């Protein structure tokens, strides 16, 4: 029973795919122009994306070793 509470649409596998694509060489700038950290449904993905944003601001590489 939902009790009238709306649940934000979410797909964990899709969020993982987007984050993974960026880490293996995708263009973070393309993703960043459309998404903010709070757009991620899962808090763990928000944390990963926030780390990516910080790395980008510091002109550091974004990959599976740095994140």
Protein backbone atom coordinates (compact mmCIF):
# COMPACT_ATOMS: atom_id res chain seq x y z
CA UNK A 1 0.00 0.00 0.00
CA UNK A 2 1.35 3.35 -1.08
CA UNK A 3 -0.64 5.67 1.29
CA UNK A 4 -0.67 8.38 -1.39
CA UNK A 5 3.09 8.79 -1.44
CA UNK A 6 4.61 9.29 -4.86
CA UNK A 7 7.77 7.36 -5.64
CA UNK A 8 10.25 8.93 -8.00
CA UNK A 9 10.80 6.77 -11.10
CA UNK A 10 14.05 4.87 -10.77
CA UNK A 11 16.02 2.03 -12.31
CA UNK A 12 19.09 0.87 -10.41
CA UNK A 13 20.59 -0.98 -13.38
CA UNK A 14 20.26 2.11 -15.59
CA UNK A 15 21.92 4.34 -12.99
CA UNK A 16 24.75 1.81 -12.69
CA UNK A 17 25.13 1.68 -16.48
CA UNK A 18 25.44 5.46 -16.78
CA UNK A 19 27.99 5.70 -13.97
CA UNK A 20 29.92 2.73 -15.36
CA UNK A 21 29.97 4.17 -18.86
CA UNK A 22 31.53 7.39 -17.57
CA UNK A 23 34.13 5.43 -15.58
CA UNK A 24 35.27 3.39 -18.58
CA UNK A 25 35.82 6.40 -20.77
CA UNK A 26 32.53 8.07 -21.49
CA UNK A 27 32.25 11.82 -21.62
CA UNK A 28 31.45 13.06 -18.14
CA UNK A 29 30.70 16.52 -19.52
CA UNK A 30 27.85 15.10 -21.63
CA UNK A 31 26.30 13.54 -18.54
CA UNK A 32 26.98 16.51 -16.27
CA UNK A 33 25.15 18.96 -18.52
CA UNK A 34 21.94 16.97 -17.93
CA UNK A 35 22.23 15.55 -14.41
CA UNK A 36 22.90 16.83 -10.91
CA UNK A 37 23.86 14.72 -7.89
CA UNK A 38 20.33 14.94 -6.49
CA UNK A 39 18.88 13.50 -9.71
CA UNK A 40 20.09 10.02 -8.76
CA UNK A 41 17.51 7.97 -6.87
CA UNK A 42 19.94 5.81 -4.91
CA UNK A 43 22.08 7.57 -2.32
CA UNK A 44 25.12 5.43 -3.17
CA UNK A 45 24.87 6.66 -6.78
CA UNK A 46 24.55 10.25 -5.59
CA UNK A 47 27.79 9.78 -3.64
CA UNK A 48 29.61 8.32 -6.65
CA UNK A 49 28.37 11.09 -8.93
CA UNK A 50 29.33 13.74 -6.36
CA UNK A 51 32.85 12.27 -6.29
CA UNK A 52 32.94 12.50 -10.09
CA UNK A 53 31.87 16.15 -9.95
CA UNK A 54 34.62 16.91 -7.44
CA UNK A 55 37.24 15.17 -9.57
CA UNK A 56 36.08 17.11 -12.63
CA UNK A 57 36.31 20.44 -10.78
CA UNK A 58 39.88 19.50 -9.79
CA UNK A 59 40.71 18.54 -13.41
CA UNK A 60 41.42 14.97 -12.30
CA UNK A 61 40.73 11.80 -14.27
CA UNK A 62 37.38 10.12 -13.71
CA UNK A 63 37.71 6.34 -13.81
CA UNK A 64 37.19 3.27 -11.66
CA UNK A 65 40.48 3.87 -9.82
CA UNK A 66 39.89 7.51 -8.90
CA UNK A 67 36.22 7.29 -7.97
